[in-house]
Amino acid sequence: MRLLLIGPPGAGKGTQAVRLATHLSIRHISTGDLFREEIARGTELGRNADRHIRAGLLVPDEVTVGVIRERLARPDTEPGFLLDGFPRNPAQAAELDGILARTGSGLDAVLHLEVPDAEVISRIAGRRLCREDPGHIFHVDHDPPEVAGTCAFCGGELYQRDDDREATVRRRLEVYRGETAPVLDHYRGQGLVTTVSALGQVQEVLDRALTAIGRAGSTPRTP
């Protein structure tokens, strides 16, 4: 099965991508992971991506597409894959269509994780990280520490990242709607999109996604 997962920041996309790929025994392909891999390998694609990332810039489409093209050409993707973080815009979506068409295949389904803006803001803006160990994460509403502002594991100070502040989250949502959401229109035209509510517990969302995949896969597609 060949899947694409799309959702706004704070939708739990990374968590669901890993669980879905594991459940379906297919490869989870994340652009962030691929960039790190190419950079570590010292490839030309990696060096190009690293220059942009270090400069705080978006990696150009041609570099991102090149990384994806190389990854999808590996034999371990033949049983299927789940794309997470690509495509980010309609131009990348068109490139992906071309890559898959040249192999005589296509996407089986596009899962759209839907979350209201207010929930996204609550999830992200409520996060607090430990300065001593960033792996210790709390939430002011859903998982507060016993002592406000203090990590329950090591006693370190809790703080809010600049990226997690409400104003920043709102800007990220605007970017998502402006650049990534149109990808959904691209795939709606192909009859591939199924929207899944990302509200509730992780397992509940996973169950909805698996049900949606069952529906999406009930009618075979011709590439």
N, C-alpha and C. Protein backbone atom coordinates (compact mmCIF):
# COMPACT_ATOMS: atom_id res chain seq x y z
N MET A 1 0.84 -1.19 0.00
CA MET A 1 0.00 0.00 0.00
C MET A 1 0.88 1.25 0.00
N ARG A 2 0.49 2.23 -0.82
CA ARG A 2 1.24 3.47 -0.94
C ARG A 2 0.38 4.61 -0.42
N LEU A 3 0.82 5.19 0.70
CA LEU A 3 0.00 6.18 1.39
C LEU A 3 0.71 7.51 1.53
N LEU A 4 -0.10 8.56 1.64
CA LEU A 4 0.39 9.90 1.95
C LEU A 4 -0.41 10.41 3.14
N LEU A 5 0.30 10.96 4.14
CA LEU A 5 -0.34 11.49 5.34
C LEU A 5 -0.14 13.00 5.36
N ILE A 6 -1.25 13.74 5.46
CA ILE A 6 -1.20 15.20 5.48
C ILE A 6 -1.97 15.71 6.69
N GLY A 7 -1.42 16.72 7.35
CA GLY A 7 -2.11 17.32 8.47
C GLY A 7 -1.37 18.54 8.96
N PRO A 8 -2.03 19.42 9.68
CA PRO A 8 -1.39 20.64 10.18
C PRO A 8 -0.43 20.33 11.31
N PRO A 9 0.41 21.28 11.69
CA PRO A 9 1.26 21.08 12.86
C PRO A 9 0.38 20.81 14.07
N GLY A 10 0.82 19.90 14.92
CA GLY A 10 0.05 19.59 16.12
C GLY A 10 -1.02 18.54 15.92
N ALA A 11 -1.12 17.99 14.71
CA ALA A 11 -2.16 16.98 14.44
C ALA A 11 -1.75 15.59 14.90
N GLY A 12 -0.49 15.43 15.31
CA GLY A 12 -0.01 14.10 15.70
C GLY A 12 0.40 13.27 14.51
N LYS A 13 0.75 13.95 13.42
CA LYS A 13 1.08 13.26 12.17
C LYS A 13 2.27 12.31 12.33
N GLY A 14 3.33 12.76 12.99
CA GLY A 14 4.50 11.90 13.16
C GLY A 14 4.18 10.64 13.93
N THR A 15 3.41 10.78 15.01
CA THR A 15 3.04 9.62 15.83
C THR A 15 2.21 8.63 15.02
N GLN A 16 1.21 9.15 14.30
CA GLN A 16 0.34 8.27 13.53
C GLN A 16 1.08 7.64 12.35
N ALA A 17 2.00 8.38 11.74
CA ALA A 17 2.75 7.83 10.61
C ALA A 17 3.54 6.60 11.02
N VAL A 18 4.22 6.68 12.15
CA VAL A 18 5.00 5.54 12.63
C VAL A 18 4.10 4.36 12.94
N ARG A 19 2.99 4.62 13.62
CA ARG A 19 2.09 3.52 14.00
C ARG A 19 1.43 2.89 12.79
N LEU A 20 1.01 3.71 11.83
CA LEU A 20 0.38 3.17 10.63
C LEU A 20 1.36 2.32 9.83
N ALA A 21 2.57 2.84 9.64
CA ALA A 21 3.56 2.10 8.87
C ALA A 21 3.89 0.77 9.53
N THR A 22 4.01 0.78 10.85
CA THR A 22 4.30 -0.45 11.58
C THR A 22 3.16 -1.45 11.44
N HIS A 23 1.93 -0.95 11.60
CA HIS A 23 0.75 -1.82 11.51
C HIS A 23 0.62 -2.44 10.13
N LEU A 24 0.95 -1.68 9.08
CA LEU A 24 0.78 -2.14 7.71
C LEU A 24 2.03 -2.80 7.14
N SER A 25 3.12 -2.81 7.93
CA SER A 25 4.40 -3.40 7.49
C SER A 25 4.91 -2.74 6.22
N ILE A 26 4.86 -1.41 6.19
CA ILE A 26 5.40 -0.65 5.06
C ILE A 26 6.39 0.37 5.60
N ARG A 27 7.19 0.96 4.72
CA ARG A 27 8.22 1.90 5.12
C ARG A 27 7.62 3.27 5.43
N HIS A 28 8.03 3.83 6.56
CA HIS A 28 7.68 5.21 6.90
C HIS A 28 8.78 6.09 6.34
N ILE A 29 8.42 6.99 5.42
CA ILE A 29 9.40 7.86 4.77
C ILE A 29 9.13 9.30 5.17
N SER A 30 10.01 9.86 5.98
CA SER A 30 9.91 11.23 6.46
C SER A 30 10.98 12.07 5.79
N THR A 31 10.61 13.22 5.24
CA THR A 31 11.60 14.07 4.58
C THR A 31 12.66 14.54 5.57
N GLY A 32 12.26 14.83 6.81
CA GLY A 32 13.23 15.24 7.81
C GLY A 32 14.28 14.17 8.05
N ASP A 33 13.84 12.92 8.17
CA ASP A 33 14.77 11.81 8.37
C ASP A 33 15.67 11.63 7.15
N LEU A 34 15.09 11.79 5.95
CA LEU A 34 15.88 11.63 4.73
C LEU A 34 16.97 12.69 4.61
N PHE A 35 16.63 13.93 4.95
CA PHE A 35 17.64 14.99 4.90
C PHE A 35 18.79 14.67 5.84
N ARG A 36 18.45 14.24 7.06
CA ARG A 36 19.49 13.92 8.03
C ARG A 36 20.36 12.76 7.53
N GLU A 37 19.73 11.78 6.88
CA GLU A 37 20.47 10.63 6.37
C GLU A 37 21.42 11.04 5.25
N GLU A 38 20.92 11.85 4.32
CA GLU A 38 21.75 12.29 3.21
C GLU A 38 22.90 13.17 3.69
N ILE A 39 22.63 14.02 4.68
CA ILE A 39 23.68 14.87 5.24
C ILE A 39 24.75 14.01 5.90
N ALA A 40 24.32 13.00 6.66
CA ALA A 40 25.27 12.12 7.34
C ALA A 40 26.11 11.32 6.33
N ARG A 41 25.52 10.96 5.20
CA ARG A 41 26.23 10.20 4.17
C ARG A 41 27.16 11.08 3.35
N GLY A 42 26.98 12.40 3.46
CA GLY A 42 27.83 13.32 2.72
C GLY A 42 27.56 13.36 1.24
N THR A 43 26.33 13.02 0.81
CA THR A 43 26.00 13.04 -0.61
C THR A 43 25.83 14.47 -1.10
N GLU A 44 25.82 14.63 -2.42
CA GLU A 44 25.62 15.97 -2.98
C GLU A 44 24.25 16.52 -2.58
N LEU A 45 23.23 15.65 -2.60
CA LEU A 45 21.90 16.09 -2.17
C LEU A 45 21.94 16.53 -0.71
N GLY A 46 22.65 15.76 0.12
CA GLY A 46 22.75 16.10 1.53
C GLY A 46 23.45 17.42 1.76
N ARG A 47 24.55 17.65 1.03
CA ARG A 47 25.28 18.91 1.18
C ARG A 47 24.42 20.09 0.75
N ASN A 48 23.67 19.91 -0.31
CA ASN A 48 22.79 20.98 -0.80
C ASN A 48 21.70 21.28 0.22
N ALA A 49 21.09 20.21 0.75
CA ALA A 49 20.04 20.40 1.77
C ALA A 49 20.60 21.07 3.01
N ASP A 50 21.80 20.64 3.43
CA ASP A 50 22.41 21.16 4.65
C ASP A 50 22.68 22.65 4.54
N ARG A 51 23.09 23.11 3.35
CA ARG A 51 23.36 24.54 3.17
C ARG A 51 22.11 25.37 3.43
N HIS A 52 20.99 24.90 2.94
CA HIS A 52 19.74 25.64 3.12
C HIS A 52 19.24 25.56 4.56
N ILE A 53 19.34 24.38 5.14
CA ILE A 53 18.87 24.20 6.51
C ILE A 53 19.68 25.06 7.47
N ARG A 54 20.99 25.09 7.29
CA ARG A 54 21.86 25.89 8.17
C ARG A 54 21.59 27.39 8.01
N ALA A 55 21.12 27.79 6.83
CA ALA A 55 20.82 29.19 6.57
C ALA A 55 19.40 29.55 7.01
N GLY A 56 18.68 28.55 7.55
CA GLY A 56 17.31 28.80 8.00
C GLY A 56 16.32 28.92 6.86
N LEU A 57 16.66 28.34 5.71
CA LEU A 57 15.81 28.43 4.53
C LEU A 57 15.13 27.10 4.25
N LEU A 58 14.02 27.16 3.51
CA LEU A 58 13.37 25.93 3.08
C LEU A 58 14.25 25.25 2.03
N VAL A 59 14.31 23.94 2.08
CA VAL A 59 15.07 23.20 1.08
C VAL A 59 14.31 23.32 -0.25
N PRO A 60 14.99 23.71 -1.34
CA PRO A 60 14.30 23.88 -2.63
C PRO A 60 13.60 22.62 -3.10
N ASP A 61 12.55 22.81 -3.88
CA ASP A 61 11.76 21.68 -4.36
C ASP A 61 12.62 20.65 -5.08
N GLU A 62 13.56 21.14 -5.94
CA GLU A 62 14.32 20.18 -6.74
C GLU A 62 15.20 19.28 -5.87
N VAL A 63 15.69 19.82 -4.75
CA VAL A 63 16.50 19.01 -3.84
C VAL A 63 15.61 18.01 -3.11
N THR A 64 14.49 18.49 -2.60
CA THR A 64 13.57 17.62 -1.89
C THR A 64 13.07 16.49 -2.78
N VAL A 65 12.69 16.84 -3.99
CA VAL A 65 12.21 15.82 -4.95
C VAL A 65 13.31 14.81 -5.25
N GLY A 66 14.54 15.30 -5.39
CA GLY A 66 15.65 14.40 -5.66
C GLY A 66 15.86 13.39 -4.55
N VAL A 67 15.74 13.84 -3.30
CA VAL A 67 15.88 12.94 -2.15
C VAL A 67 14.77 11.90 -2.15
N ILE A 68 13.54 12.34 -2.41
CA ILE A 68 12.40 11.42 -2.44
C ILE A 68 12.54 10.43 -3.59
N ARG A 69 12.94 10.90 -4.74
CA ARG A 69 13.10 10.01 -5.91
C ARG A 69 14.11 8.90 -5.60
N GLU A 70 15.22 9.28 -4.98
CA GLU A 70 16.24 8.29 -4.65
C GLU A 70 15.71 7.28 -3.64
N ARG A 71 14.94 7.77 -2.64
CA ARG A 71 14.43 6.86 -1.60
C ARG A 71 13.40 5.89 -2.16
N LEU A 72 12.51 6.37 -3.02
CA LEU A 72 11.47 5.51 -3.54
C LEU A 72 12.01 4.48 -4.54
N ALA A 73 13.23 4.69 -5.00
CA ALA A 73 13.84 3.74 -5.94
C ALA A 73 14.43 2.54 -5.22
N ARG A 74 14.50 2.56 -3.91
CA ARG A 74 15.10 1.44 -3.18
C ARG A 74 14.11 0.27 -3.11
N PRO A 75 14.62 -0.96 -3.12
CA PRO A 75 13.74 -2.14 -3.16
C PRO A 75 12.81 -2.27 -1.96
N ASP A 76 13.20 -1.72 -0.80
CA ASP A 76 12.35 -1.93 0.38
C ASP A 76 11.04 -1.16 0.32
N THR A 77 10.86 -0.30 -0.69
CA THR A 77 9.58 0.41 -0.82
C THR A 77 8.60 -0.34 -1.72
N GLU A 78 9.05 -1.44 -2.32
CA GLU A 78 8.18 -2.16 -3.25
C GLU A 78 6.89 -2.67 -2.59
N PRO A 79 6.94 -3.17 -1.33
CA PRO A 79 5.69 -3.61 -0.68
C PRO A 79 4.77 -2.44 -0.34
N GLY A 80 5.32 -1.23 -0.30
CA GLY A 80 4.52 -0.07 0.03
C GLY A 80 5.31 0.92 0.86
N PHE A 81 4.71 2.09 1.08
CA PHE A 81 5.36 3.13 1.86
C PHE A 81 4.32 4.12 2.36
N LEU A 82 4.71 4.89 3.35
CA LEU A 82 3.88 5.98 3.87
C LEU A 82 4.73 7.24 3.86
N LEU A 83 4.32 8.23 3.09
CA LEU A 83 5.04 9.49 2.99
C LEU A 83 4.55 10.47 4.05
N ASP A 84 5.51 11.06 4.76
CA ASP A 84 5.22 11.99 5.85
C ASP A 84 6.07 13.24 5.64
N GLY A 85 5.44 14.37 5.32
CA GLY A 85 6.18 15.61 5.11
C GLY A 85 6.45 15.91 3.64
N PHE A 86 5.96 15.11 2.76
CA PHE A 86 6.10 15.31 1.31
C PHE A 86 4.90 14.68 0.63
N PRO A 87 4.33 15.38 -0.37
CA PRO A 87 4.69 16.70 -0.89
C PRO A 87 4.12 17.83 -0.04
N ARG A 88 4.83 18.98 -0.07
CA ARG A 88 4.41 20.14 0.72
C ARG A 88 3.68 21.19 -0.11
N ASN A 89 3.67 21.02 -1.40
CA ASN A 89 2.97 21.99 -2.26
C ASN A 89 2.54 21.27 -3.54
N PRO A 90 1.65 21.88 -4.34
CA PRO A 90 1.15 21.21 -5.55
C PRO A 90 2.24 20.86 -6.54
N ALA A 91 3.30 21.68 -6.63
CA ALA A 91 4.39 21.37 -7.56
C ALA A 91 5.07 20.06 -7.17
N GLN A 92 5.32 19.87 -5.87
CA GLN A 92 5.91 18.63 -5.41
C GLN A 92 4.97 17.46 -5.63
N ALA A 93 3.66 17.71 -5.47
CA ALA A 93 2.68 16.64 -5.70
C ALA A 93 2.72 16.18 -7.15
N ALA A 94 2.84 17.13 -8.07
CA ALA A 94 2.93 16.77 -9.49
C ALA A 94 4.20 15.97 -9.78
N GLU A 95 5.29 16.35 -9.13
CA GLU A 95 6.54 15.61 -9.30
C GLU A 95 6.39 14.18 -8.78
N LEU A 96 5.72 14.04 -7.63
CA LEU A 96 5.51 12.69 -7.07
C LEU A 96 4.67 11.85 -8.01
N ASP A 97 3.63 12.45 -8.59
CA ASP A 97 2.81 11.71 -9.55
C ASP A 97 3.68 11.17 -10.68
N GLY A 98 4.61 12.01 -11.15
CA GLY A 98 5.47 11.59 -12.25
C GLY A 98 6.42 10.46 -11.85
N ILE A 99 6.98 10.57 -10.65
CA ILE A 99 7.90 9.53 -10.15
C ILE A 99 7.18 8.19 -10.09
N LEU A 100 5.97 8.20 -9.53
CA LEU A 100 5.23 6.95 -9.39
C LEU A 100 4.72 6.43 -10.73
N ALA A 101 4.32 7.34 -11.61
CA ALA A 101 3.82 6.91 -12.92
C ALA A 101 4.90 6.19 -13.72
N ARG A 102 6.15 6.65 -13.56
CA ARG A 102 7.24 6.01 -14.30
C ARG A 102 7.52 4.59 -13.81
N THR A 103 7.03 4.25 -12.62
CA THR A 103 7.18 2.89 -12.12
C THR A 103 5.90 2.08 -12.32
N GLY A 104 4.92 2.70 -12.97
CA GLY A 104 3.66 2.02 -13.22
C GLY A 104 2.77 1.90 -12.01
N SER A 105 2.97 2.80 -11.03
CA SER A 105 2.17 2.74 -9.81
C SER A 105 1.57 4.11 -9.50
N GLY A 106 0.96 4.22 -8.36
CA GLY A 106 0.38 5.48 -7.91
C GLY A 106 0.01 5.35 -6.45
N LEU A 107 -0.41 6.45 -5.85
CA LEU A 107 -0.84 6.40 -4.46
C LEU A 107 -2.16 5.64 -4.34
N ASP A 108 -2.31 4.92 -3.24
CA ASP A 108 -3.57 4.22 -2.97
C ASP A 108 -4.53 5.09 -2.17
N ALA A 109 -3.98 5.95 -1.32
CA ALA A 109 -4.84 6.79 -0.49
C ALA A 109 -4.05 7.96 0.08
N VAL A 110 -4.77 9.05 0.32
CA VAL A 110 -4.22 10.22 1.00
C VAL A 110 -5.06 10.44 2.24
N LEU A 111 -4.43 10.31 3.40
CA LEU A 111 -5.13 10.50 4.66
C LEU A 111 -4.91 11.93 5.14
N HIS A 112 -6.00 12.62 5.36
CA HIS A 112 -5.96 14.00 5.84
C HIS A 112 -6.36 14.03 7.30
N LEU A 113 -5.40 14.29 8.18
CA LEU A 113 -5.70 14.41 9.61
C LEU A 113 -6.23 15.81 9.87
N GLU A 114 -7.44 15.88 10.33
CA GLU A 114 -8.11 17.18 10.52
C GLU A 114 -8.21 17.53 12.00
N VAL A 115 -7.78 18.74 12.33
CA VAL A 115 -7.84 19.23 13.71
C VAL A 115 -8.23 20.71 13.68
N PRO A 116 -9.19 21.13 14.50
CA PRO A 116 -9.53 22.55 14.56
C PRO A 116 -8.34 23.39 15.00
N ASP A 117 -8.25 24.62 14.50
CA ASP A 117 -7.13 25.49 14.86
C ASP A 117 -7.01 25.66 16.38
N ALA A 118 -8.14 25.81 17.05
CA ALA A 118 -8.11 26.03 18.50
C ALA A 118 -7.43 24.86 19.22
N GLU A 119 -7.66 23.65 18.74
CA GLU A 119 -7.04 22.47 19.35
C GLU A 119 -5.54 22.44 19.07
N VAL A 120 -5.16 22.78 17.84
CA VAL A 120 -3.73 22.83 17.49
C VAL A 120 -3.01 23.81 18.40
N ILE A 121 -3.59 25.00 18.56
CA ILE A 121 -2.98 26.04 19.39
C ILE A 121 -2.87 25.56 20.83
N SER A 122 -3.92 24.92 21.32
CA SER A 122 -3.90 24.41 22.69
C SER A 122 -2.82 23.35 22.87
N ARG A 123 -2.71 22.43 21.92
CA ARG A 123 -1.74 21.35 22.02
C ARG A 123 -0.31 21.89 22.02
N ILE A 124 -0.01 22.80 21.10
CA ILE A 124 1.36 23.27 20.94
C ILE A 124 1.73 24.35 21.94
N ALA A 125 0.86 25.34 22.10
CA ALA A 125 1.19 26.46 22.99
C ALA A 125 1.21 26.04 24.45
N GLY A 126 0.61 24.90 24.77
CA GLY A 126 0.62 24.42 26.14
C GLY A 126 1.83 23.60 26.51
N ARG A 127 2.69 23.30 25.55
CA ARG A 127 3.89 22.48 25.82
C ARG A 127 4.90 23.24 26.67
N ARG A 128 5.54 22.49 27.56
CA ARG A 128 6.64 23.04 28.35
C ARG A 128 7.76 21.99 28.37
N LEU A 129 8.97 22.42 28.05
CA LEU A 129 10.13 21.52 27.99
C LEU A 129 11.07 21.79 29.15
N CYS A 130 11.77 20.75 29.55
CA CYS A 130 12.76 20.88 30.63
C CYS A 130 14.07 21.40 30.04
N ARG A 131 14.66 22.41 30.67
CA ARG A 131 15.93 22.95 30.19
C ARG A 131 17.07 21.95 30.38
N GLU A 132 16.97 21.09 31.37
CA GLU A 132 18.02 20.11 31.63
C GLU A 132 17.93 18.93 30.67
N ASP A 133 16.73 18.52 30.32
CA ASP A 133 16.52 17.39 29.43
C ASP A 133 15.28 17.67 28.57
N PRO A 134 15.48 18.12 27.30
CA PRO A 134 14.34 18.46 26.44
C PRO A 134 13.41 17.29 26.17
N GLY A 135 13.87 16.06 26.51
CA GLY A 135 13.00 14.90 26.34
C GLY A 135 11.90 14.83 27.39
N HIS A 136 12.05 15.63 28.44
CA HIS A 136 11.00 15.71 29.47
C HIS A 136 10.03 16.81 29.06
N ILE A 137 8.85 16.40 28.61
CA ILE A 137 7.88 17.34 28.07
C ILE A 137 6.58 17.27 28.87
N PHE A 138 6.04 18.42 29.20
CA PHE A 138 4.79 18.51 29.94
C PHE A 138 3.80 19.38 29.17
N HIS A 139 2.58 19.40 29.65
CA HIS A 139 1.55 20.26 29.07
C HIS A 139 0.80 20.93 30.21
N VAL A 140 0.60 22.23 30.10
CA VAL A 140 0.01 22.97 31.21
C VAL A 140 -1.40 22.49 31.56
N ASP A 141 -2.11 21.91 30.57
CA ASP A 141 -3.47 21.45 30.83
C ASP A 141 -3.58 19.93 30.93
N HIS A 142 -2.94 19.23 29.99
CA HIS A 142 -3.14 17.78 29.88
C HIS A 142 -2.14 16.95 30.68
N ASP A 143 -0.97 17.50 30.95
CA ASP A 143 0.04 16.76 31.70
C ASP A 143 0.91 17.73 32.51
N PRO A 144 0.28 18.44 33.44
CA PRO A 144 1.04 19.46 34.19
C PRO A 144 1.98 18.82 35.22
N PRO A 145 3.11 19.48 35.52
CA PRO A 145 4.02 18.97 36.55
C PRO A 145 3.39 19.19 37.93
N GLU A 146 3.86 18.43 38.91
CA GLU A 146 3.32 18.59 40.26
C GLU A 146 3.60 19.99 40.80
N VAL A 147 4.78 20.51 40.48
CA VAL A 147 5.14 21.87 40.88
C VAL A 147 5.25 22.72 39.63
N ALA A 148 4.46 23.77 39.52
CA ALA A 148 4.43 24.60 38.33
C ALA A 148 5.83 25.09 37.97
N GLY A 149 6.18 24.92 36.70
CA GLY A 149 7.46 25.43 36.22
C GLY A 149 8.66 24.56 36.54
N THR A 150 8.43 23.39 37.15
CA THR A 150 9.53 22.52 37.57
C THR A 150 9.34 21.11 37.01
N CYS A 151 10.40 20.56 36.40
CA CYS A 151 10.34 19.22 35.85
C CYS A 151 10.16 18.20 36.95
N ALA A 152 9.17 17.33 36.80
CA ALA A 152 8.88 16.32 37.81
C ALA A 152 9.92 15.21 37.84
N PHE A 153 10.76 15.11 36.79
CA PHE A 153 11.76 14.05 36.72
C PHE A 153 13.10 14.46 37.31
N CYS A 154 13.54 15.68 36.99
CA CYS A 154 14.89 16.07 37.42
C CYS A 154 14.95 17.40 38.15
N GLY A 155 13.82 18.08 38.27
CA GLY A 155 13.80 19.36 38.97
C GLY A 155 14.25 20.53 38.14
N GLY A 156 14.51 20.29 36.85
CA GLY A 156 14.94 21.37 35.97
C GLY A 156 13.82 22.38 35.71
N GLU A 157 14.21 23.53 35.21
CA GLU A 157 13.24 24.57 34.90
C GLU A 157 12.48 24.22 33.62
N LEU A 158 11.17 24.43 33.62
CA LEU A 158 10.37 24.22 32.42
C LEU A 158 10.23 25.54 31.68
N TYR A 159 10.25 25.47 30.36
CA TYR A 159 10.12 26.69 29.57
C TYR A 159 9.32 26.41 28.31
N GLN A 160 8.90 27.48 27.65
CA GLN A 160 8.15 27.38 26.40
C GLN A 160 9.06 27.79 25.24
N ARG A 161 9.19 26.93 24.25
CA ARG A 161 10.00 27.27 23.08
C ARG A 161 9.35 28.41 22.32
N ASP A 162 10.18 29.21 21.65
CA ASP A 162 9.64 30.31 20.84
C ASP A 162 8.71 29.77 19.76
N ASP A 163 9.07 28.60 19.18
CA ASP A 163 8.24 28.00 18.13
C ASP A 163 6.88 27.56 18.64
N ASP A 164 6.74 27.42 19.96
CA ASP A 164 5.49 26.95 20.54
C ASP A 164 4.58 28.08 21.00
N ARG A 165 5.03 29.31 20.88
CA ARG A 165 4.20 30.43 21.33
C ARG A 165 3.00 30.59 20.40
N GLU A 166 1.89 31.07 20.97
CA GLU A 166 0.64 31.10 20.21
C GLU A 166 0.76 31.87 18.90
N ALA A 167 1.41 33.03 18.93
CA ALA A 167 1.52 33.82 17.70
C ALA A 167 2.28 33.05 16.62
N THR A 168 3.32 32.33 17.03
CA THR A 168 4.10 31.54 16.07
C THR A 168 3.27 30.39 15.53
N VAL A 169 2.50 29.74 16.39
CA VAL A 169 1.66 28.62 15.96
C VAL A 169 0.63 29.10 14.93
N ARG A 170 0.06 30.26 15.18
CA ARG A 170 -0.93 30.81 14.23
C ARG A 170 -0.28 31.07 12.87
N ARG A 171 0.95 31.57 12.88
CA ARG A 171 1.65 31.80 11.61
C ARG A 171 1.93 30.48 10.89
N ARG A 172 2.30 29.45 11.66
CA ARG A 172 2.56 28.14 11.07
C ARG A 172 1.30 27.57 10.42
N LEU A 173 0.16 27.81 11.06
CA LEU A 173 -1.11 27.35 10.49
C LEU A 173 -1.43 28.10 9.20
N GLU A 174 -1.11 29.38 9.16
CA GLU A 174 -1.33 30.16 7.94
C GLU A 174 -0.47 29.63 6.80
N VAL A 175 0.79 29.31 7.12
CA VAL A 175 1.68 28.75 6.10
C VAL A 175 1.15 27.41 5.62
N TYR A 176 0.67 26.59 6.55
CA TYR A 176 0.12 25.29 6.18
C TYR A 176 -1.05 25.45 5.22
N ARG A 177 -1.98 26.33 5.57
CA ARG A 177 -3.15 26.51 4.71
C ARG A 177 -2.76 27.05 3.35
N GLY A 178 -1.78 27.96 3.34
CA GLY A 178 -1.40 28.59 2.08
C GLY A 178 -0.58 27.71 1.16
N GLU A 179 0.29 26.85 1.74
CA GLU A 179 1.23 26.10 0.93
C GLU A 179 0.94 24.60 0.85
N THR A 180 0.50 24.01 1.95
CA THR A 180 0.34 22.56 1.97
C THR A 180 -1.09 22.11 1.74
N ALA A 181 -2.06 22.83 2.31
CA ALA A 181 -3.46 22.42 2.14
C ALA A 181 -3.86 22.30 0.66
N PRO A 182 -3.36 23.15 -0.26
CA PRO A 182 -3.72 22.97 -1.67
C PRO A 182 -3.33 21.61 -2.24
N VAL A 183 -2.40 20.92 -1.59
CA VAL A 183 -2.05 19.57 -2.04
C VAL A 183 -3.29 18.67 -1.95
N LEU A 184 -4.12 18.92 -0.94
CA LEU A 184 -5.34 18.13 -0.80
C LEU A 184 -6.24 18.30 -2.01
N ASP A 185 -6.33 19.52 -2.54
CA ASP A 185 -7.15 19.75 -3.73
C ASP A 185 -6.60 18.96 -4.91
N HIS A 186 -5.28 18.90 -5.00
CA HIS A 186 -4.64 18.14 -6.08
C HIS A 186 -5.08 16.68 -6.04
N TYR A 187 -5.10 16.09 -4.85
CA TYR A 187 -5.44 14.68 -4.73
C TYR A 187 -6.94 14.42 -4.66
N ARG A 188 -7.70 15.44 -4.26
CA ARG A 188 -9.16 15.27 -4.32
C ARG A 188 -9.59 15.07 -5.77
N GLY A 189 -8.90 15.76 -6.68
CA GLY A 189 -9.21 15.60 -8.09
C GLY A 189 -8.97 14.19 -8.58
N GLN A 190 -8.15 13.43 -7.85
CA GLN A 190 -7.88 12.04 -8.20
C GLN A 190 -8.71 11.07 -7.36
N GLY A 191 -9.57 11.61 -6.52
CA GLY A 191 -10.44 10.76 -5.70
C GLY A 191 -9.72 9.99 -4.61
N LEU A 192 -8.61 10.54 -4.10
CA LEU A 192 -7.78 9.79 -3.16
C LEU A 192 -7.92 10.22 -1.71
N VAL A 193 -8.51 11.38 -1.45
CA VAL A 193 -8.46 11.96 -0.10
C VAL A 193 -9.57 11.44 0.80
N THR A 194 -9.18 11.01 2.00
CA THR A 194 -10.12 10.65 3.05
C THR A 194 -9.72 11.43 4.29
N THR A 195 -10.67 12.17 4.85
CA THR A 195 -10.40 12.99 6.04
C THR A 195 -10.69 12.21 7.30
N VAL A 196 -9.75 12.28 8.25
CA VAL A 196 -9.86 11.57 9.52
C VAL A 196 -9.71 12.57 10.65
N SER A 197 -10.62 12.54 11.60
CA SER A 197 -10.49 13.41 12.76
C SER A 197 -9.30 12.98 13.61
N ALA A 198 -8.45 13.95 13.95
CA ALA A 198 -7.28 13.66 14.78
C ALA A 198 -7.53 14.02 16.24
N LEU A 199 -8.81 14.18 16.61
CA LEU A 199 -9.16 14.45 18.00
C LEU A 199 -9.27 13.13 18.76
N GLY A 200 -8.93 13.16 20.03
CA GLY A 200 -9.04 11.96 20.86
C GLY A 200 -7.70 11.32 21.13
N GLN A 201 -7.75 10.12 21.71
CA GLN A 201 -6.54 9.39 22.06
C GLN A 201 -5.83 8.86 20.81
N VAL A 202 -4.53 8.60 20.95
CA VAL A 202 -3.72 8.14 19.83
C VAL A 202 -4.33 6.88 19.19
N GLN A 203 -4.74 5.91 20.00
CA GLN A 203 -5.29 4.67 19.47
C GLN A 203 -6.61 4.91 18.74
N GLU A 204 -7.40 5.84 19.23
CA GLU A 204 -8.67 6.15 18.58
C GLU A 204 -8.41 6.71 17.18
N VAL A 205 -7.45 7.61 17.08
CA VAL A 205 -7.12 8.19 15.78
C VAL A 205 -6.57 7.13 14.84
N LEU A 206 -5.71 6.25 15.38
CA LEU A 206 -5.17 5.16 14.56
C LEU A 206 -6.28 4.26 14.03
N ASP A 207 -7.23 3.92 14.88
CA ASP A 207 -8.34 3.06 14.46
C ASP A 207 -9.14 3.73 13.34
N ARG A 208 -9.37 5.04 13.47
CA ARG A 208 -10.10 5.76 12.41
C ARG A 208 -9.31 5.73 11.10
N ALA A 209 -7.99 5.93 11.22
CA ALA A 209 -7.16 5.94 10.02
C ALA A 209 -7.18 4.58 9.33
N LEU A 210 -7.08 3.50 10.10
CA LEU A 210 -7.11 2.16 9.51
C LEU A 210 -8.45 1.88 8.85
N THR A 211 -9.53 2.32 9.46
CA THR A 211 -10.85 2.17 8.86
C THR A 211 -10.92 2.94 7.55
N ALA A 212 -10.37 4.17 7.56
CA ALA A 212 -10.38 5.00 6.36
C ALA A 212 -9.59 4.34 5.24
N ILE A 213 -8.46 3.74 5.58
CA ILE A 213 -7.65 3.05 4.58
C ILE A 213 -8.43 1.88 3.98
N GLY A 214 -9.18 1.19 4.83
CA GLY A 214 -10.01 0.10 4.34
C GLY A 214 -11.02 0.57 3.33
N ARG A 215 -11.62 1.74 3.61
CA ARG A 215 -12.59 2.30 2.69
C ARG A 215 -11.90 2.74 1.41
N ALA A 216 -10.75 3.42 1.57
CA ALA A 216 -10.04 3.95 0.41
C ALA A 216 -9.57 2.82 -0.49
N GLY A 217 -9.20 1.69 0.14
CA GLY A 217 -8.66 0.58 -0.63
C GLY A 217 -9.70 -0.36 -1.17
N SER A 218 -11.00 -0.09 -0.90
CA SER A 218 -12.06 -1.01 -1.32
C SER A 218 -12.28 -0.97 -2.82
N THR A 219 -11.92 0.16 -3.45
CA THR A 219 -12.09 0.28 -4.90
C THR A 219 -10.71 0.36 -5.54
N PRO A 220 -10.28 -0.65 -6.25
CA PRO A 220 -8.93 -0.63 -6.85
C PRO A 220 -8.78 0.55 -7.80
N ARG A 221 -7.57 1.16 -7.77
CA ARG A 221 -7.25 2.26 -8.67
C ARG A 221 -6.40 1.76 -9.81
N THR A 222 -6.60 2.35 -10.96
CA THR A 222 -5.71 2.07 -12.10
C THR A 222 -4.69 3.18 -12.15
N PRO A 223 -3.39 2.88 -12.07
CA PRO A 223 -2.35 3.91 -12.08
C PRO A 223 -2.44 4.77 -13.34
